[in-house]
Amino acid sequence: MKFLCVGCDEQMEFAQRDQPGDGTLAAVFECPDCGRAVGMLTNPMETQLVSSLGVEIGGRTVEQQPMESTRKQVASGREDAFDDGDLPAAATDAGGGDDGAGAEGTSGGDGDGDGDVSVTWTEDAADRLERVPSFVRGMVHRIYTDWARERGIEEITPEVMDRARSDLGLEGM
């Protein structure tokens, strides 16, 4: 993504980056010709998403290597990262899941060989997952489910989600 100055039609240059400590990220870009500036502010969830994708905002201290972005994706990406095939019913229910049906959705038995543990989600955990933006919900669900399976945890609760966030280094994002 690039920012263009409307007045000059020039590409704006990165000027400043700030992480206030509340999970947000602020960045300022300036036009090299006229000096106009534009600011970008992300909320904590957007900041976490940007960080998890490995997107770098701001200046670099090292020259970018050929195909650097592609190499990072190949080294750490998962083919099924955005697959939401077995989300808990409460997390996929467009009506908000008020009827309570499917509150303890099952996420095991998908035949991928990741483990013998069948993982279920409590209603509170499924409700929390439902608050994740829909375009990354499948990826977040898969991360928590895989983390729980690797540790033999059969039920995902909000407390388990908090432990996973801590273990995965996602706190404060």
N, C-alpha and C. Protein backbone atom coordinates (compact mmCIF):
# COMPACT_ATOMS: atom_id res chain seq x y z
N MET A 1 0.85 -1.16 0.00
CA MET A 1 0.00 0.00 0.00
C MET A 1 0.90 1.23 0.00
N LYS A 2 0.52 2.20 -0.79
CA LYS A 2 1.27 3.45 -0.85
C LYS A 2 0.29 4.60 -0.72
N PHE A 3 0.76 5.69 -0.16
CA PHE A 3 -0.05 6.89 -0.05
C PHE A 3 0.44 7.90 -1.07
N LEU A 4 -0.51 8.52 -1.78
CA LEU A 4 -0.17 9.54 -2.75
C LEU A 4 -0.71 10.89 -2.28
N CYS A 5 0.08 11.92 -2.51
CA CYS A 5 -0.36 13.28 -2.20
C CYS A 5 -1.36 13.69 -3.28
N VAL A 6 -2.54 14.09 -2.88
CA VAL A 6 -3.58 14.47 -3.84
C VAL A 6 -3.18 15.74 -4.59
N GLY A 7 -2.57 16.68 -3.90
CA GLY A 7 -2.20 17.95 -4.53
C GLY A 7 -1.05 17.81 -5.52
N CYS A 8 -0.06 16.99 -5.23
CA CYS A 8 1.15 16.89 -6.06
C CYS A 8 1.19 15.62 -6.91
N ASP A 9 0.37 14.64 -6.57
CA ASP A 9 0.39 13.33 -7.21
C ASP A 9 1.76 12.66 -7.05
N GLU A 10 2.37 12.89 -5.89
CA GLU A 10 3.66 12.27 -5.56
C GLU A 10 3.45 11.22 -4.47
N GLN A 11 4.29 10.22 -4.50
CA GLN A 11 4.23 9.20 -3.46
C GLN A 11 4.75 9.78 -2.16
N MET A 12 3.96 9.60 -1.09
CA MET A 12 4.38 10.11 0.21
C MET A 12 5.44 9.19 0.79
N GLU A 13 6.30 9.78 1.61
CA GLU A 13 7.39 9.03 2.22
C GLU A 13 7.11 8.84 3.70
N PHE A 14 7.56 7.72 4.25
CA PHE A 14 7.40 7.45 5.67
C PHE A 14 8.15 8.50 6.47
N ALA A 15 7.50 9.02 7.53
CA ALA A 15 8.12 10.04 8.37
C ALA A 15 8.27 9.61 9.82
N GLN A 16 7.25 8.92 10.37
CA GLN A 16 7.29 8.64 11.79
C GLN A 16 6.40 7.45 12.12
N ARG A 17 6.81 6.66 13.11
CA ARG A 17 6.02 5.52 13.59
C ARG A 17 5.98 5.59 15.11
N ASP A 18 4.79 5.29 15.69
CA ASP A 18 4.65 5.34 17.14
C ASP A 18 3.72 4.22 17.59
N GLN A 19 4.13 3.50 18.64
CA GLN A 19 3.28 2.51 19.28
C GLN A 19 3.07 2.97 20.71
N PRO A 20 1.94 3.62 20.99
CA PRO A 20 1.71 4.23 22.30
C PRO A 20 1.66 3.25 23.47
N GLY A 21 1.55 1.95 23.24
CA GLY A 21 1.51 0.99 24.32
C GLY A 21 0.11 0.50 24.64
N ASP A 22 -0.89 1.03 23.96
CA ASP A 22 -2.26 0.58 24.19
C ASP A 22 -2.73 -0.38 23.09
N GLY A 23 -1.77 -0.90 22.32
CA GLY A 23 -2.10 -1.84 21.26
C GLY A 23 -2.32 -1.18 19.91
N THR A 24 -2.32 0.15 19.88
CA THR A 24 -2.52 0.85 18.62
C THR A 24 -1.17 1.13 17.96
N LEU A 25 -1.23 1.50 16.71
CA LEU A 25 -0.04 1.86 15.95
C LEU A 25 -0.37 3.12 15.17
N ALA A 26 0.51 4.09 15.21
CA ALA A 26 0.34 5.33 14.46
C ALA A 26 1.53 5.50 13.53
N ALA A 27 1.24 5.93 12.31
CA ALA A 27 2.30 6.18 11.34
C ALA A 27 1.98 7.47 10.60
N VAL A 28 3.01 8.24 10.28
CA VAL A 28 2.86 9.49 9.55
C VAL A 28 3.67 9.40 8.27
N PHE A 29 3.05 9.83 7.17
CA PHE A 29 3.70 9.87 5.86
C PHE A 29 3.62 11.31 5.36
N GLU A 30 4.72 11.79 4.73
CA GLU A 30 4.77 13.17 4.24
C GLU A 30 5.08 13.21 2.76
N CYS A 31 4.54 14.23 2.09
CA CYS A 31 4.83 14.45 0.68
C CYS A 31 6.21 15.12 0.58
N PRO A 32 7.13 14.58 -0.24
CA PRO A 32 8.46 15.17 -0.35
C PRO A 32 8.45 16.52 -1.08
N ASP A 33 7.40 16.80 -1.85
CA ASP A 33 7.34 18.05 -2.60
C ASP A 33 6.73 19.20 -1.81
N CYS A 34 5.50 18.98 -1.29
CA CYS A 34 4.79 20.09 -0.65
C CYS A 34 4.77 20.01 0.87
N GLY A 35 5.18 18.88 1.43
CA GLY A 35 5.22 18.75 2.89
C GLY A 35 3.92 18.35 3.54
N ARG A 36 2.86 18.13 2.75
CA ARG A 36 1.60 17.67 3.34
C ARG A 36 1.85 16.34 4.04
N ALA A 37 1.06 16.09 5.09
CA ALA A 37 1.22 14.85 5.84
C ALA A 37 -0.12 14.14 5.98
N VAL A 38 -0.05 12.83 6.12
CA VAL A 38 -1.23 12.03 6.39
C VAL A 38 -0.85 11.07 7.52
N GLY A 39 -1.80 10.88 8.42
CA GLY A 39 -1.57 9.98 9.55
C GLY A 39 -2.43 8.75 9.42
N MET A 40 -1.91 7.63 9.91
CA MET A 40 -2.66 6.38 9.91
C MET A 40 -2.65 5.86 11.34
N LEU A 41 -3.82 5.48 11.85
CA LEU A 41 -3.94 4.94 13.20
C LEU A 41 -4.68 3.62 13.12
N THR A 42 -4.09 2.56 13.67
CA THR A 42 -4.75 1.26 13.68
C THR A 42 -5.23 0.94 15.09
N ASN A 43 -6.33 0.21 15.17
CA ASN A 43 -6.80 -0.24 16.47
C ASN A 43 -6.01 -1.48 16.88
N PRO A 44 -6.14 -1.97 18.12
CA PRO A 44 -5.33 -3.11 18.57
C PRO A 44 -5.48 -4.35 17.68
N MET A 45 -6.69 -4.67 17.19
CA MET A 45 -6.88 -5.86 16.36
C MET A 45 -6.18 -5.68 15.02
N GLU A 46 -6.27 -4.49 14.43
CA GLU A 46 -5.58 -4.23 13.17
C GLU A 46 -4.07 -4.30 13.35
N THR A 47 -3.59 -3.78 14.47
CA THR A 47 -2.16 -3.83 14.77
C THR A 47 -1.69 -5.27 14.88
N GLN A 48 -2.48 -6.11 15.56
CA GLN A 48 -2.14 -7.52 15.70
C GLN A 48 -2.14 -8.21 14.33
N LEU A 49 -3.12 -7.91 13.50
CA LEU A 49 -3.19 -8.51 12.18
C LEU A 49 -1.97 -8.12 11.35
N VAL A 50 -1.63 -6.83 11.34
CA VAL A 50 -0.47 -6.36 10.59
C VAL A 50 0.80 -7.05 11.08
N SER A 51 0.96 -7.15 12.40
CA SER A 51 2.14 -7.79 12.96
C SER A 51 2.20 -9.27 12.61
N SER A 52 1.05 -9.95 12.68
CA SER A 52 1.05 -11.39 12.40
C SER A 52 1.34 -11.69 10.93
N LEU A 53 1.06 -10.75 10.05
CA LEU A 53 1.34 -10.94 8.63
C LEU A 53 2.78 -10.58 8.29
N GLY A 54 3.52 -10.03 9.24
CA GLY A 54 4.91 -9.68 9.00
C GLY A 54 5.07 -8.39 8.21
N VAL A 55 4.02 -7.57 8.15
CA VAL A 55 4.10 -6.31 7.42
C VAL A 55 4.94 -5.33 8.22
N GLU A 56 5.86 -4.68 7.55
CA GLU A 56 6.72 -3.71 8.21
C GLU A 56 6.30 -2.31 7.81
N ILE A 57 6.03 -1.47 8.80
CA ILE A 57 5.64 -0.09 8.55
C ILE A 57 6.78 0.79 8.98
N GLY A 58 7.26 1.58 8.05
CA GLY A 58 8.33 2.51 8.39
C GLY A 58 9.61 2.20 7.66
N GLY A 59 10.66 2.88 8.10
CA GLY A 59 11.95 2.75 7.46
C GLY A 59 12.63 1.43 7.76
N ARG A 60 13.60 1.10 6.95
CA ARG A 60 14.38 -0.13 7.11
C ARG A 60 15.82 0.23 7.41
N THR A 61 16.48 -0.63 8.16
CA THR A 61 17.90 -0.43 8.41
C THR A 61 18.74 -1.30 7.48
N VAL A 62 18.10 -2.28 6.85
CA VAL A 62 18.78 -3.20 5.95
C VAL A 62 18.05 -3.18 4.61
N GLU A 63 18.80 -3.23 3.51
CA GLU A 63 18.19 -3.27 2.19
C GLU A 63 17.28 -4.49 2.07
N GLN A 64 16.15 -4.31 1.41
CA GLN A 64 15.25 -5.44 1.19
C GLN A 64 15.91 -6.44 0.26
N GLN A 65 15.80 -7.71 0.64
CA GLN A 65 16.39 -8.78 -0.14
C GLN A 65 15.44 -9.21 -1.26
N PRO A 66 15.97 -9.74 -2.35
CA PRO A 66 15.10 -10.20 -3.44
C PRO A 66 14.11 -11.25 -2.92
N MET A 67 12.85 -11.05 -3.25
CA MET A 67 11.76 -11.98 -2.90
C MET A 67 11.64 -12.20 -1.39
N GLU A 68 11.99 -11.19 -0.60
CA GLU A 68 11.95 -11.29 0.86
C GLU A 68 10.56 -11.66 1.38
N SER A 69 9.54 -10.97 0.89
CA SER A 69 8.18 -11.24 1.34
C SER A 69 7.76 -12.67 1.01
N THR A 70 8.09 -13.10 -0.19
CA THR A 70 7.73 -14.46 -0.61
C THR A 70 8.44 -15.49 0.25
N ARG A 71 9.70 -15.27 0.53
CA ARG A 71 10.45 -16.22 1.37
C ARG A 71 9.85 -16.32 2.76
N LYS A 72 9.44 -15.20 3.33
CA LYS A 72 8.84 -15.22 4.66
C LYS A 72 7.54 -16.03 4.65
N GLN A 73 6.73 -15.86 3.61
CA GLN A 73 5.47 -16.59 3.53
C GLN A 73 5.70 -18.08 3.35
N VAL A 74 6.67 -18.45 2.54
CA VAL A 74 6.95 -19.86 2.31
C VAL A 74 7.49 -20.50 3.59
N ALA A 75 8.31 -19.77 4.32
CA ALA A 75 8.92 -20.32 5.52
C ALA A 75 7.93 -20.47 6.66
N SER A 76 6.94 -19.58 6.76
CA SER A 76 6.05 -19.60 7.92
C SER A 76 4.58 -19.77 7.58
N GLY A 77 4.21 -19.69 6.33
CA GLY A 77 2.80 -19.75 5.97
C GLY A 77 2.23 -21.15 6.05
N ARG A 78 0.91 -21.22 6.19
CA ARG A 78 0.21 -22.49 6.20
C ARG A 78 -0.82 -22.46 5.10
N GLU A 79 -0.90 -23.53 4.36
CA GLU A 79 -1.83 -23.61 3.25
C GLU A 79 -3.27 -23.41 3.70
N ASP A 80 -3.62 -23.88 4.90
CA ASP A 80 -5.00 -23.83 5.38
C ASP A 80 -5.23 -22.70 6.40
N ALA A 81 -4.38 -21.69 6.41
CA ALA A 81 -4.45 -20.64 7.43
C ALA A 81 -5.79 -19.91 7.44
N PHE A 82 -6.43 -19.75 6.30
CA PHE A 82 -7.68 -19.01 6.23
C PHE A 82 -8.90 -19.91 6.12
N ASP A 83 -8.72 -21.21 6.31
CA ASP A 83 -9.80 -22.17 6.22
C ASP A 83 -10.63 -22.10 7.49
N ASP A 84 -11.94 -21.86 7.36
CA ASP A 84 -12.81 -21.80 8.52
C ASP A 84 -13.83 -22.93 8.49
N GLY A 85 -13.44 -24.06 7.93
CA GLY A 85 -14.35 -25.17 7.73
C GLY A 85 -15.01 -25.72 8.98
N ASP A 86 -14.38 -25.64 10.14
CA ASP A 86 -14.99 -26.23 11.32
C ASP A 86 -14.99 -25.27 12.50
N LEU A 87 -15.45 -24.03 12.26
CA LEU A 87 -15.60 -23.06 13.33
C LEU A 87 -16.76 -23.45 14.24
N PRO A 88 -16.70 -23.09 15.52
CA PRO A 88 -17.85 -23.32 16.39
C PRO A 88 -19.07 -22.62 15.83
N ALA A 89 -20.24 -23.21 16.00
CA ALA A 89 -21.47 -22.66 15.43
C ALA A 89 -21.72 -21.25 15.91
N ALA A 90 -21.43 -20.94 17.17
CA ALA A 90 -21.68 -19.59 17.69
C ALA A 90 -20.80 -18.56 17.01
N ALA A 91 -19.65 -18.97 16.49
CA ALA A 91 -18.75 -18.03 15.84
C ALA A 91 -19.12 -17.78 14.40
N THR A 92 -19.94 -18.63 13.82
CA THR A 92 -20.30 -18.46 12.41
C THR A 92 -21.76 -18.08 12.25
N ASP A 93 -22.53 -18.09 13.32
CA ASP A 93 -23.95 -17.79 13.27
C ASP A 93 -24.14 -16.30 13.03
N ALA A 94 -24.69 -15.93 11.88
CA ALA A 94 -24.86 -14.52 11.54
C ALA A 94 -25.84 -13.84 12.48
N GLY A 95 -26.74 -14.62 13.10
CA GLY A 95 -27.72 -14.04 14.00
C GLY A 95 -27.18 -13.82 15.39
N GLY A 96 -25.92 -14.14 15.66
CA GLY A 96 -25.33 -13.88 16.95
C GLY A 96 -25.34 -15.06 17.89
N GLY A 97 -25.96 -16.17 17.51
CA GLY A 97 -25.94 -17.38 18.33
C GLY A 97 -26.74 -17.25 19.61
N ASP A 98 -27.83 -16.44 19.64
CA ASP A 98 -28.60 -16.22 20.84
C ASP A 98 -29.36 -17.44 21.31
N ASP A 99 -29.64 -18.40 20.43
CA ASP A 99 -30.43 -19.55 20.83
C ASP A 99 -29.62 -20.58 21.60
N GLY A 100 -28.27 -20.40 21.67
CA GLY A 100 -27.42 -21.30 22.43
C GLY A 100 -27.09 -22.58 21.70
N ALA A 101 -27.71 -22.86 20.59
CA ALA A 101 -27.43 -24.08 19.85
C ALA A 101 -26.04 -24.04 19.28
N GLY A 102 -25.31 -25.12 19.47
CA GLY A 102 -23.97 -25.21 18.91
C GLY A 102 -22.94 -24.40 19.66
N ALA A 103 -23.21 -24.03 20.90
CA ALA A 103 -22.27 -23.21 21.65
C ALA A 103 -20.97 -23.93 21.92
N GLU A 104 -21.03 -25.27 22.00
CA GLU A 104 -19.80 -26.01 22.23
C GLU A 104 -19.44 -26.74 20.95
N GLY A 105 -19.03 -25.98 19.96
CA GLY A 105 -18.69 -26.54 18.66
C GLY A 105 -17.48 -27.44 18.75
N THR A 106 -17.43 -28.46 17.94
CA THR A 106 -16.32 -29.39 17.92
C THR A 106 -15.40 -29.03 16.79
N SER A 107 -14.12 -29.21 17.06
CA SER A 107 -13.15 -28.89 16.04
C SER A 107 -12.22 -30.05 15.77
N GLY A 108 -12.52 -31.22 16.28
CA GLY A 108 -11.64 -32.36 16.07
C GLY A 108 -12.14 -33.21 14.94
N GLY A 109 -11.37 -34.27 14.65
CA GLY A 109 -11.80 -35.24 13.67
C GLY A 109 -11.79 -34.75 12.26
N ASP A 110 -10.94 -33.80 11.90
CA ASP A 110 -10.93 -33.31 10.53
C ASP A 110 -9.98 -34.14 9.67
N GLY A 111 -9.36 -35.16 10.26
CA GLY A 111 -8.56 -36.09 9.49
C GLY A 111 -7.23 -35.53 9.02
N ASP A 112 -6.76 -34.41 9.59
CA ASP A 112 -5.50 -33.85 9.11
C ASP A 112 -4.29 -34.40 9.85
N GLY A 113 -4.54 -35.28 10.83
CA GLY A 113 -3.43 -35.94 11.51
C GLY A 113 -2.69 -35.05 12.49
N ASP A 114 -3.26 -33.91 12.89
CA ASP A 114 -2.58 -32.99 13.80
C ASP A 114 -2.58 -33.49 15.23
N GLY A 115 -3.36 -34.50 15.55
CA GLY A 115 -3.40 -35.00 16.91
C GLY A 115 -4.68 -35.76 17.12
N ASP A 116 -4.70 -36.53 18.21
CA ASP A 116 -5.87 -37.33 18.49
C ASP A 116 -6.86 -36.60 19.38
N VAL A 117 -6.55 -35.39 19.82
CA VAL A 117 -7.39 -34.65 20.74
C VAL A 117 -8.53 -33.98 19.98
N SER A 118 -9.74 -34.22 20.44
CA SER A 118 -10.91 -33.54 19.90
C SER A 118 -11.12 -32.28 20.73
N VAL A 119 -11.09 -31.14 20.10
CA VAL A 119 -11.15 -29.87 20.81
C VAL A 119 -12.55 -29.28 20.70
N THR A 120 -13.12 -28.88 21.84
CA THR A 120 -14.41 -28.20 21.85
C THR A 120 -14.21 -26.77 22.35
N TRP A 121 -15.17 -25.93 22.02
CA TRP A 121 -15.12 -24.52 22.43
C TRP A 121 -16.29 -24.25 23.36
N THR A 122 -16.02 -23.61 24.52
CA THR A 122 -17.10 -23.22 25.41
C THR A 122 -17.87 -22.08 24.74
N GLU A 123 -19.06 -21.83 25.25
CA GLU A 123 -19.88 -20.76 24.69
C GLU A 123 -19.17 -19.40 24.81
N ASP A 124 -18.52 -19.16 25.96
CA ASP A 124 -17.81 -17.89 26.16
C ASP A 124 -16.65 -17.73 25.17
N ALA A 125 -15.92 -18.83 24.94
CA ALA A 125 -14.80 -18.78 23.99
C ALA A 125 -15.31 -18.56 22.57
N ALA A 126 -16.40 -19.24 22.21
CA ALA A 126 -16.98 -19.09 20.88
C ALA A 126 -17.50 -17.66 20.68
N ASP A 127 -18.09 -17.08 21.74
CA ASP A 127 -18.56 -15.70 21.65
C ASP A 127 -17.39 -14.74 21.45
N ARG A 128 -16.30 -15.01 22.14
CA ARG A 128 -15.09 -14.17 21.99
C ARG A 128 -14.53 -14.30 20.57
N LEU A 129 -14.53 -15.52 20.03
CA LEU A 129 -14.06 -15.73 18.67
C LEU A 129 -14.96 -15.02 17.66
N GLU A 130 -16.24 -14.94 17.97
CA GLU A 130 -17.19 -14.28 17.08
C GLU A 130 -16.89 -12.79 16.92
N ARG A 131 -16.22 -12.20 17.90
CA ARG A 131 -15.87 -10.77 17.84
C ARG A 131 -14.65 -10.50 16.97
N VAL A 132 -13.96 -11.56 16.54
CA VAL A 132 -12.81 -11.41 15.64
C VAL A 132 -13.34 -11.09 14.24
N PRO A 133 -12.73 -10.17 13.51
CA PRO A 133 -13.21 -9.86 12.16
C PRO A 133 -13.32 -11.13 11.31
N SER A 134 -14.41 -11.22 10.55
CA SER A 134 -14.73 -12.45 9.83
C SER A 134 -13.65 -12.87 8.85
N PHE A 135 -12.91 -11.92 8.27
CA PHE A 135 -11.91 -12.29 7.26
C PHE A 135 -10.68 -12.96 7.86
N VAL A 136 -10.48 -12.90 9.18
CA VAL A 136 -9.37 -13.60 9.82
C VAL A 136 -9.84 -14.61 10.86
N ARG A 137 -11.15 -14.72 11.04
CA ARG A 137 -11.69 -15.60 12.07
C ARG A 137 -11.23 -17.05 11.89
N GLY A 138 -11.24 -17.54 10.67
CA GLY A 138 -10.81 -18.92 10.41
C GLY A 138 -9.36 -19.14 10.82
N MET A 139 -8.50 -18.19 10.50
CA MET A 139 -7.09 -18.30 10.85
C MET A 139 -6.91 -18.27 12.38
N VAL A 140 -7.62 -17.40 13.06
CA VAL A 140 -7.53 -17.30 14.51
C VAL A 140 -8.04 -18.60 15.15
N HIS A 141 -9.16 -19.11 14.64
CA HIS A 141 -9.71 -20.37 15.14
C HIS A 141 -8.69 -21.50 14.99
N ARG A 142 -8.06 -21.57 13.84
CA ARG A 142 -7.08 -22.63 13.57
C ARG A 142 -5.87 -22.50 14.51
N ILE A 143 -5.42 -21.28 14.76
CA ILE A 143 -4.27 -21.06 15.64
C ILE A 143 -4.57 -21.57 17.05
N TYR A 144 -5.75 -21.18 17.60
CA TYR A 144 -6.11 -21.61 18.95
C TYR A 144 -6.32 -23.12 19.01
N THR A 145 -7.00 -23.68 18.01
CA THR A 145 -7.27 -25.12 18.00
C THR A 145 -5.97 -25.91 17.92
N ASP A 146 -5.07 -25.53 17.03
CA ASP A 146 -3.78 -26.23 16.91
C ASP A 146 -2.97 -26.11 18.20
N TRP A 147 -2.97 -24.92 18.80
CA TRP A 147 -2.24 -24.70 20.04
C TRP A 147 -2.78 -25.64 21.13
N ALA A 148 -4.11 -25.73 21.23
CA ALA A 148 -4.73 -26.60 22.25
C ALA A 148 -4.42 -28.07 21.97
N ARG A 149 -4.53 -28.50 20.73
CA ARG A 149 -4.24 -29.90 20.38
C ARG A 149 -2.81 -30.28 20.73
N GLU A 150 -1.87 -29.39 20.43
CA GLU A 150 -0.46 -29.67 20.71
C GLU A 150 -0.21 -29.87 22.20
N ARG A 151 -1.07 -29.31 23.04
CA ARG A 151 -0.89 -29.41 24.48
C ARG A 151 -1.87 -30.37 25.13
N GLY A 152 -2.67 -31.07 24.32
CA GLY A 152 -3.63 -32.04 24.85
C GLY A 152 -4.82 -31.40 25.55
N ILE A 153 -5.11 -30.15 25.24
CA ILE A 153 -6.23 -29.43 25.85
C ILE A 153 -7.48 -29.74 25.04
N GLU A 154 -8.52 -30.25 25.71
CA GLU A 154 -9.72 -30.69 25.02
C GLU A 154 -10.80 -29.63 24.94
N GLU A 155 -10.72 -28.59 25.77
CA GLU A 155 -11.75 -27.55 25.77
C GLU A 155 -11.11 -26.18 25.76
N ILE A 156 -11.53 -25.36 24.81
CA ILE A 156 -11.00 -24.00 24.72
C ILE A 156 -11.96 -23.07 25.45
N THR A 157 -11.42 -22.38 26.44
CA THR A 157 -12.14 -21.40 27.23
C THR A 157 -11.46 -20.05 27.02
N PRO A 158 -12.06 -18.96 27.46
CA PRO A 158 -11.37 -17.67 27.37
C PRO A 158 -10.01 -17.68 28.07
N GLU A 159 -9.90 -18.43 29.18
CA GLU A 159 -8.63 -18.52 29.89
C GLU A 159 -7.57 -19.24 29.04
N VAL A 160 -8.00 -20.30 28.35
CA VAL A 160 -7.08 -21.01 27.45
C VAL A 160 -6.65 -20.09 26.32
N MET A 161 -7.58 -19.28 25.80
CA MET A 161 -7.25 -18.33 24.74
C MET A 161 -6.21 -17.32 25.24
N ASP A 162 -6.36 -16.86 26.49
CA ASP A 162 -5.40 -15.92 27.07
C ASP A 162 -4.01 -16.56 27.19
N ARG A 163 -3.96 -17.83 27.65
CA ARG A 163 -2.68 -18.54 27.75
C ARG A 163 -2.03 -18.70 26.39
N ALA A 164 -2.85 -19.03 25.38
CA ALA A 164 -2.31 -19.19 24.02
C ALA A 164 -1.74 -17.87 23.52
N ARG A 165 -2.47 -16.77 23.74
CA ARG A 165 -1.97 -15.45 23.32
C ARG A 165 -0.62 -15.16 23.96
N SER A 166 -0.50 -15.47 25.24
CA SER A 166 0.76 -15.24 25.95
C SER A 166 1.87 -16.12 25.39
N ASP A 167 1.60 -17.41 25.24
CA ASP A 167 2.61 -18.35 24.71
C ASP A 167 3.04 -17.98 23.31
N LEU A 168 2.11 -17.49 22.49
CA LEU A 168 2.40 -17.16 21.10
C LEU A 168 2.97 -15.76 20.94
N GLY A 169 3.12 -15.04 22.06
CA GLY A 169 3.72 -13.70 22.01
C GLY A 169 2.80 -12.65 21.42
N LEU A 170 1.47 -12.84 21.59
CA LEU A 170 0.52 -11.91 20.99
C LEU A 170 -0.04 -10.92 22.01
N GLU A 171 0.44 -10.97 23.25
CA GLU A 171 -0.06 -10.02 24.25
C GLU A 171 0.38 -8.61 23.91
N GLY A 172 -0.46 -7.65 24.20
CA GLY A 172 -0.12 -6.26 24.00
C GLY A 172 -0.27 -5.80 22.56
N MET A 173 -0.82 -6.67 21.73
CA MET A 173 -1.01 -6.27 20.32
C MET A 173 -2.44 -5.89 20.12
